[in-house]
PDB file of all heavy atoms in Angstrom:
ATOM      1  N   VAL A   1       7.626  -1.717  -5.239  1.00  0.00           N
ATOM      2  CA  VAL A   1       7.879  -1.191  -3.909  1.00  0.00           C
ATOM      3  C   VAL A   1       6.770  -1.625  -2.956  1.00  0.00           C
ATOM      4  O   VAL A   1       7.027  -2.171  -1.881  1.00  0.00           O
ATOM      5  CB  VAL A   1       7.996   0.337  -3.923  1.00  0.00           C
ATOM      6  CG1 VAL A   1       8.199   0.876  -2.512  1.00  0.00           C
ATOM      7  CG2 VAL A   1       9.134   0.778  -4.836  1.00  0.00           C
ATOM      8  N   ALA A   2       5.535  -1.366  -3.344  1.00  0.00           N
ATOM      9  CA  ALA A   2       4.380  -1.713  -2.521  1.00  0.00           C
ATOM     10  C   ALA A   2       3.132  -1.677  -3.379  1.00  0.00           C
ATOM     11  O   ALA A   2       3.065  -0.953  -4.368  1.00  0.00           O
ATOM     12  CB  ALA A   2       4.228  -0.750  -1.339  1.00  0.00           C
ATOM     13  N   ASN A   3       2.143  -2.461  -3.009  1.00  0.00           N
ATOM     14  CA  ASN A   3       0.843  -2.352  -3.642  1.00  0.00           C
ATOM     15  C   ASN A   3      -0.254  -2.594  -2.619  1.00  0.00           C
ATOM     16  O   ASN A   3      -0.002  -3.093  -1.517  1.00  0.00           O
ATOM     17  CB  ASN A   3       0.697  -3.266  -4.864  1.00  0.00           C
ATOM     18  CG  ASN A   3       0.807  -4.749  -4.545  1.00  0.00           C
ATOM     19  OD1 ASN A   3       0.558  -5.187  -3.424  1.00  0.00           O
ATOM     20  ND2 ASN A   3       1.178  -5.531  -5.558  1.00  0.00           N
ATOM     21  N   ILE A   4      -1.463  -2.216  -3.009  1.00  0.00           N
ATOM     22  CA  ILE A   4      -2.618  -2.372  -2.139  1.00  0.00           C
ATOM     23  C   ILE A   4      -3.796  -2.771  -3.003  1.00  0.00           C
ATOM     24  O   ILE A   4      -4.048  -2.194  -4.051  1.00  0.00           O
ATOM     25  CB  ILE A   4      -2.895  -1.077  -1.339  1.00  0.00           C
ATOM     26  CG1 ILE A   4      -4.065  -1.274  -0.377  1.00  0.00           C
ATOM     27  CG2 ILE A   4      -3.128   0.108  -2.269  1.00  0.00           C
ATOM     28  CD1 ILE A   4      -4.179  -0.153   0.647  1.00  0.00           C
ATOM     29  N   THR A   5      -4.521  -3.792  -2.567  1.00  0.00           N
ATOM     30  CA  THR A   5      -5.640  -4.311  -3.334  1.00  0.00           C
ATOM     31  C   THR A   5      -6.919  -3.584  -2.968  1.00  0.00           C
ATOM     32  O   THR A   5      -6.970  -2.786  -2.032  1.00  0.00           O
ATOM     33  CB  THR A   5      -5.820  -5.810  -3.093  1.00  0.00           C
ATOM     34  OG1 THR A   5      -6.282  -6.021  -1.750  1.00  0.00           O
ATOM     35  CG2 THR A   5      -4.515  -6.565  -3.303  1.00  0.00           C
ATOM     36  N   SER A   6      -7.971  -3.889  -3.715  1.00  0.00           N
ATOM     37  CA  SER A   6      -9.272  -3.303  -3.423  1.00  0.00           C
ATOM     38  C   SER A   6      -9.778  -3.714  -2.052  1.00  0.00           C
ATOM     39  O   SER A   6     -10.598  -3.010  -1.466  1.00  0.00           O
ATOM     40  CB  SER A   6     -10.281  -3.696  -4.504  1.00  0.00           C
ATOM     41  OG  SER A   6     -10.435  -5.104  -4.573  1.00  0.00           O
ATOM     42  N   GLY A   7      -9.311  -4.846  -1.551  1.00  0.00           N
ATOM     43  CA  GLY A   7      -9.663  -5.297  -0.220  1.00  0.00           C
ATOM     44  C   GLY A   7      -8.755  -4.763   0.867  1.00  0.00           C
ATOM     45  O   GLY A   7      -8.835  -5.224   2.007  1.00  0.00           O
ATOM     46  N   ARG A   8      -7.890  -3.828   0.528  1.00  0.00           N
ATOM     47  CA  ARG A   8      -6.975  -3.153   1.450  1.00  0.00           C
ATOM     48  C   ARG A   8      -5.853  -4.061   1.949  1.00  0.00           C
ATOM     49  O   ARG A   8      -5.219  -3.763   2.965  1.00  0.00           O
ATOM     50  CB  ARG A   8      -7.728  -2.537   2.631  1.00  0.00           C
ATOM     51  CG  ARG A   8      -8.743  -1.474   2.242  1.00  0.00           C
ATOM     52  CD  ARG A   8      -8.065  -0.306   1.586  1.00  0.00           C
ATOM     53  NE  ARG A   8      -8.998   0.736   1.182  1.00  0.00           N
ATOM     54  CZ  ARG A   8      -9.303   1.800   1.909  1.00  0.00           C
ATOM     55  NH1 ARG A   8      -8.747   1.980   3.093  1.00  0.00           N
ATOM     56  NH2 ARG A   8     -10.156   2.700   1.448  1.00  0.00           N
ATOM     57  N   ASN A   9      -5.606  -5.158   1.259  1.00  0.00           N
ATOM     58  CA  ASN A   9      -4.431  -5.968   1.550  1.00  0.00           C
ATOM     59  C   ASN A   9      -3.203  -5.293   0.968  1.00  0.00           C
ATOM     60  O   ASN A   9      -3.240  -4.755  -0.142  1.00  0.00           O
ATOM     61  CB  ASN A   9      -4.578  -7.363   0.969  1.00  0.00           C
ATOM     62  CG  ASN A   9      -5.679  -8.149   1.631  1.00  0.00           C
ATOM     63  OD1 ASN A   9      -5.835  -8.121   2.850  1.00  0.00           O
ATOM     64  ND2 ASN A   9      -6.457  -8.869   0.832  1.00  0.00           N
ATOM     65  N   THR A  10      -2.108  -5.332   1.689  1.00  0.00           N
ATOM     66  CA  THR A  10      -0.892  -4.653   1.268  1.00  0.00           C
ATOM     67  C   THR A  10       0.265  -5.624   1.125  1.00  0.00           C
ATOM     68  O   THR A  10       0.325  -6.654   1.797  1.00  0.00           O
ATOM     69  CB  THR A  10      -0.494  -3.551   2.257  1.00  0.00           C
ATOM     70  OG1 THR A  10      -0.321  -4.115   3.562  1.00  0.00           O
ATOM     71  CG2 THR A  10      -1.572  -2.480   2.326  1.00  0.00           C
ATOM     72  N   ASN A  11       1.174  -5.268   0.239  1.00  0.00           N
ATOM     73  CA  ASN A  11       2.403  -6.017   0.029  1.00  0.00           C
ATOM     74  C   ASN A  11       3.551  -5.035  -0.093  1.00  0.00           C
ATOM     75  O   ASN A  11       3.400  -3.966  -0.694  1.00  0.00           O
ATOM     76  CB  ASN A  11       2.319  -6.879  -1.234  1.00  0.00           C
ATOM     77  CG  ASN A  11       1.235  -7.919  -1.162  1.00  0.00           C
ATOM     78  OD1 ASN A  11       1.388  -8.936  -0.499  1.00  0.00           O
ATOM     79  ND2 ASN A  11       0.122  -7.663  -1.845  1.00  0.00           N
ATOM     80  N   TYR A  12       4.696  -5.412   0.452  1.00  0.00           N
ATOM     81  CA  TYR A  12       5.862  -4.550   0.424  1.00  0.00           C
ATOM     82  C   TYR A  12       7.101  -5.325   0.020  1.00  0.00           C
ATOM     83  O   TYR A  12       7.248  -6.505   0.351  1.00  0.00           O
ATOM     84  CB  TYR A  12       6.124  -3.930   1.797  1.00  0.00           C
ATOM     85  CG  TYR A  12       5.037  -3.023   2.292  1.00  0.00           C
ATOM     86  CD1 TYR A  12       4.002  -3.519   3.078  1.00  0.00           C
ATOM     87  CD2 TYR A  12       5.041  -1.667   1.982  1.00  0.00           C
ATOM     88  CE1 TYR A  12       3.002  -2.688   3.538  1.00  0.00           C
ATOM     89  CE2 TYR A  12       4.040  -0.830   2.448  1.00  0.00           C
ATOM     90  CZ  TYR A  12       3.021  -1.342   3.224  1.00  0.00           C
ATOM     91  OH  TYR A  12       2.032  -0.511   3.686  1.00  0.00           O
ATOM     92  N   ALA A  13       7.983  -4.643  -0.684  1.00  0.00           N
ATOM     93  CA  ALA A  13       9.301  -5.203  -0.902  1.00  0.00           C
ATOM     94  C   ALA A  13      10.015  -5.321   0.433  1.00  0.00           C
ATOM     95  O   ALA A  13       9.840  -4.490   1.327  1.00  0.00           O
ATOM     96  CB  ALA A  13      10.103  -4.325  -1.854  1.00  0.00           C
ATOM     97  N   ASP A  14      10.821  -6.359   0.568  1.00  0.00           N
ATOM     98  CA  ASP A  14      11.532  -6.563   1.824  1.00  0.00           C
ATOM     99  C   ASP A  14      12.402  -5.361   2.195  1.00  0.00           C
ATOM    100  O   ASP A  14      12.573  -5.052   3.373  1.00  0.00           O
ATOM    101  CB  ASP A  14      12.399  -7.821   1.742  1.00  0.00           C
ATOM    102  CG  ASP A  14      11.577  -9.095   1.763  1.00  0.00           C
ATOM    103  OD1 ASP A  14      10.412  -9.055   2.200  1.00  0.00           O
ATOM    104  OD2 ASP A  14      12.115 -10.139   1.339  1.00  0.00           O
ATOM    105  N   SER A  15      12.927  -4.690   1.198  1.00  0.00           N
ATOM    106  CA  SER A  15      13.836  -3.586   1.447  1.00  0.00           C
ATOM    107  C   SER A  15      13.161  -2.365   2.057  1.00  0.00           C
ATOM    108  O   SER A  15      13.842  -1.504   2.620  1.00  0.00           O
ATOM    109  CB  SER A  15      14.543  -3.183   0.148  1.00  0.00           C
ATOM    110  OG  SER A  15      13.605  -2.781  -0.832  1.00  0.00           O
ATOM    111  N   VAL A  16      11.837  -2.271   1.950  1.00  0.00           N
ATOM    112  CA  VAL A  16      11.123  -1.109   2.476  1.00  0.00           C
ATOM    113  C   VAL A  16      10.175  -1.463   3.601  1.00  0.00           C
ATOM    114  O   VAL A  16       9.596  -0.554   4.225  1.00  0.00           O
ATOM    115  CB  VAL A  16      10.345  -0.371   1.364  1.00  0.00           C
ATOM    116  CG1 VAL A  16      11.260  -0.045   0.201  1.00  0.00           C
ATOM    117  CG2 VAL A  16       9.144  -1.187   0.897  1.00  0.00           C
ATOM    118  N   LYS A  17       9.994  -2.729   3.879  1.00  0.00           N
ATOM    119  CA  LYS A  17       9.058  -3.153   4.907  1.00  0.00           C
ATOM    120  C   LYS A  17       9.451  -2.566   6.265  1.00  0.00           C
ATOM    121  O   LYS A  17      10.607  -2.624   6.671  1.00  0.00           O
ATOM    122  CB  LYS A  17       9.009  -4.675   4.975  1.00  0.00           C
ATOM    123  CG  LYS A  17       7.867  -5.236   5.794  1.00  0.00           C
ATOM    124  CD  LYS A  17       7.756  -6.751   5.630  1.00  0.00           C
ATOM    125  CE  LYS A  17       7.377  -7.135   4.220  1.00  0.00           C
ATOM    126  NZ  LYS A  17       7.152  -8.606   4.079  1.00  0.00           N
ATOM    127  N   GLY A  18       8.469  -1.997   6.930  1.00  0.00           N
ATOM    128  CA  GLY A  18       8.710  -1.354   8.204  1.00  0.00           C
ATOM    129  C   GLY A  18       9.045   0.115   8.103  1.00  0.00           C
ATOM    130  O   GLY A  18       9.003   0.824   9.120  1.00  0.00           O
ATOM    131  N   ARG A  19       9.376   0.583   6.904  1.00  0.00           N
ATOM    132  CA  ARG A  19       9.704   1.991   6.691  1.00  0.00           C
ATOM    133  C   ARG A  19       8.669   2.720   5.839  1.00  0.00           C
ATOM    134  O   ARG A  19       8.424   3.902   6.051  1.00  0.00           O
ATOM    135  CB  ARG A  19      11.075   2.125   6.025  1.00  0.00           C
ATOM    136  CG  ARG A  19      12.219   1.533   6.836  1.00  0.00           C
ATOM    137  CD  ARG A  19      13.573   1.858   6.197  1.00  0.00           C
ATOM    138  NE  ARG A  19      13.714   1.262   4.871  1.00  0.00           N
ATOM    139  CZ  ARG A  19      13.924   1.961   3.751  1.00  0.00           C
ATOM    140  NH1 ARG A  19      14.020   3.284   3.797  1.00  0.00           N
ATOM    141  NH2 ARG A  19      14.058   1.331   2.590  1.00  0.00           N
ATOM    142  N   PHE A  20       8.088   2.013   4.878  1.00  0.00           N
ATOM    143  CA  PHE A  20       7.114   2.607   3.963  1.00  0.00           C
ATOM    144  C   PHE A  20       5.721   2.097   4.290  1.00  0.00           C
ATOM    145  O   PHE A  20       5.551   0.945   4.718  1.00  0.00           O
ATOM    146  CB  PHE A  20       7.428   2.241   2.508  1.00  0.00           C
ATOM    147  CG  PHE A  20       8.682   2.857   1.945  1.00  0.00           C
ATOM    148  CD1 PHE A  20       9.590   3.523   2.743  1.00  0.00           C
ATOM    149  CD2 PHE A  20       8.945   2.753   0.584  1.00  0.00           C
ATOM    150  CE1 PHE A  20      10.745   4.082   2.217  1.00  0.00           C
ATOM    151  CE2 PHE A  20      10.094   3.308   0.045  1.00  0.00           C
ATOM    152  CZ  PHE A  20      10.990   3.966   0.860  1.00  0.00           C
ATOM    153  N   THR A  21       4.726   2.935   4.045  1.00  0.00           N
ATOM    154  CA  THR A  21       3.336   2.564   4.241  1.00  0.00           C
ATOM    155  C   THR A  21       2.516   3.022   3.045  1.00  0.00           C
ATOM    156  O   THR A  21       2.564   4.194   2.676  1.00  0.00           O
ATOM    157  CB  THR A  21       2.755   3.180   5.519  1.00  0.00           C
ATOM    158  OG1 THR A  21       3.534   2.782   6.653  1.00  0.00           O
ATOM    159  CG2 THR A  21       1.312   2.718   5.722  1.00  0.00           C
ATOM    160  N   ILE A  22       1.775   2.096   2.449  1.00  0.00           N
ATOM    161  CA  ILE A  22       0.909   2.428   1.332  1.00  0.00           C
ATOM    162  C   ILE A  22      -0.535   2.489   1.823  1.00  0.00           C
ATOM    163  O   ILE A  22      -0.946   1.702   2.681  1.00  0.00           O
ATOM    164  CB  ILE A  22       1.063   1.412   0.177  1.00  0.00           C
ATOM    165  CG1 ILE A  22       0.337   1.901  -1.078  1.00  0.00           C
ATOM    166  CG2 ILE A  22       0.592   0.022   0.582  1.00  0.00           C
ATOM    167  CD1 ILE A  22       0.660   1.088  -2.324  1.00  0.00           C
ATOM    168  N   SER A  23      -1.303   3.423   1.278  1.00  0.00           N
ATOM    169  CA  SER A  23      -2.695   3.574   1.659  1.00  0.00           C
ATOM    170  C   SER A  23      -3.488   4.126   0.484  1.00  0.00           C
ATOM    171  O   SER A  23      -2.909   4.626  -0.489  1.00  0.00           O
ATOM    172  CB  SER A  23      -2.848   4.485   2.879  1.00  0.00           C
ATOM    173  OG  SER A  23      -2.343   5.781   2.610  1.00  0.00           O
ATOM    174  N   ARG A  24      -4.809   4.020   0.577  1.00  0.00           N
ATOM    175  CA  ARG A  24      -5.685   4.499  -0.487  1.00  0.00           C
ATOM    176  C   ARG A  24      -6.807   5.336   0.084  1.00  0.00           C
ATOM    177  O   ARG A  24      -7.278   5.110   1.201  1.00  0.00           O
ATOM    178  CB  ARG A  24      -6.303   3.322  -1.262  1.00  0.00           C
ATOM    179  CG  ARG A  24      -5.363   2.555  -2.137  1.00  0.00           C
ATOM    180  CD  ARG A  24      -6.067   1.366  -2.777  1.00  0.00           C
ATOM    181  NE  ARG A  24      -7.143   1.770  -3.675  1.00  0.00           N
ATOM    182  CZ  ARG A  24      -7.905   0.922  -4.348  1.00  0.00           C
ATOM    183  NH1 ARG A  24      -7.709  -0.388  -4.223  1.00  0.00           N
ATOM    184  NH2 ARG A  24      -8.862   1.370  -5.146  1.00  0.00           N
ATOM    185  N   ASP A  25      -7.247   6.300  -0.703  1.00  0.00           N
ATOM    186  CA  ASP A  25      -8.451   7.056  -0.433  1.00  0.00           C
ATOM    187  C   ASP A  25      -9.347   6.842  -1.646  1.00  0.00           C
ATOM    188  O   ASP A  25      -9.189   7.507  -2.669  1.00  0.00           O
ATOM    189  CB  ASP A  25      -8.152   8.532  -0.219  1.00  0.00           C
ATOM    190  CG  ASP A  25      -9.377   9.324   0.185  1.00  0.00           C
ATOM    191  OD1 ASP A  25     -10.502   8.884  -0.070  1.00  0.00           O
ATOM    192  OD2 ASP A  25      -9.203  10.415   0.773  1.00  0.00           O
ATOM    193  N   ASN A  26     -10.269   5.909  -1.532  1.00  0.00           N
ATOM    194  CA  ASN A  26     -11.093   5.548  -2.677  1.00  0.00           C
ATOM    195  C   ASN A  26     -11.989   6.697  -3.142  1.00  0.00           C
ATOM    196  O   ASN A  26     -12.274   6.824  -4.333  1.00  0.00           O
ATOM    197  CB  ASN A  26     -11.951   4.326  -2.343  1.00  0.00           C
ATOM    198  CG  ASN A  26     -11.133   3.057  -2.227  1.00  0.00           C
ATOM    199  OD1 ASN A  26     -10.048   2.949  -2.779  1.00  0.00           O
ATOM    200  ND2 ASN A  26     -11.666   2.085  -1.510  1.00  0.00           N
ATOM    201  N   ALA A  27     -12.429   7.522  -2.211  1.00  0.00           N
ATOM    202  CA  ALA A  27     -13.282   8.646  -2.576  1.00  0.00           C
ATOM    203  C   ALA A  27     -12.556   9.633  -3.477  1.00  0.00           C
ATOM    204  O   ALA A  27     -13.173  10.300  -4.310  1.00  0.00           O
ATOM    205  CB  ALA A  27     -13.793   9.352  -1.328  1.00  0.00           C
ATOM    206  N   LYS A  28     -11.249   9.733  -3.312  1.00  0.00           N
ATOM    207  CA  LYS A  28     -10.447  10.648  -4.118  1.00  0.00           C
ATOM    208  C   LYS A  28      -9.684   9.944  -5.230  1.00  0.00           C
ATOM    209  O   LYS A  28      -8.935  10.597  -5.959  1.00  0.00           O
ATOM    210  CB  LYS A  28      -9.459  11.399  -3.231  1.00  0.00           C
ATOM    211  CG  LYS A  28     -10.103  12.295  -2.188  1.00  0.00           C
ATOM    212  CD  LYS A  28      -9.044  13.010  -1.360  1.00  0.00           C
ATOM    213  CE  LYS A  28      -9.675  13.932  -0.337  1.00  0.00           C
ATOM    214  NZ  LYS A  28      -8.644  14.628   0.482  1.00  0.00           N
ATOM    215  N   ASN A  29      -9.851   8.635  -5.345  1.00  0.00           N
ATOM    216  CA  ASN A  29      -9.105   7.845  -6.332  1.00  0.00           C
ATOM    217  C   ASN A  29      -7.606   8.114  -6.229  1.00  0.00           C
ATOM    218  O   ASN A  29      -6.929   8.330  -7.239  1.00  0.00           O
ATOM    219  CB  ASN A  29      -9.608   8.128  -7.747  1.00  0.00           C
ATOM    220  CG  ASN A  29     -11.017   7.633  -7.973  1.00  0.00           C
ATOM    221  OD1 ASN A  29     -11.400   6.571  -7.476  1.00  0.00           O
ATOM    222  ND2 ASN A  29     -11.800   8.389  -8.729  1.00  0.00           N
ATOM    223  N   THR A  30      -7.114   8.084  -5.020  1.00  0.00           N
ATOM    224  CA  THR A  30      -5.738   8.443  -4.755  1.00  0.00           C
ATOM    225  C   THR A  30      -5.058   7.375  -3.907  1.00  0.00           C
ATOM    226  O   THR A  30      -5.659   6.836  -2.973  1.00  0.00           O
ATOM    227  CB  THR A  30      -5.651   9.796  -4.042  1.00  0.00           C
ATOM    228  OG1 THR A  30      -6.247  10.807  -4.860  1.00  0.00           O
ATOM    229  CG2 THR A  30      -4.209  10.188  -3.767  1.00  0.00           C
TER     230      THR A  30
END
């Protein structure tokens, strides 16, 4: 569906692009 790298680069499946957003909180490992 989506992933995010340690450098905060993101990738999305075409079917969800523009609708879904992935993010990370490194302090919370979430």
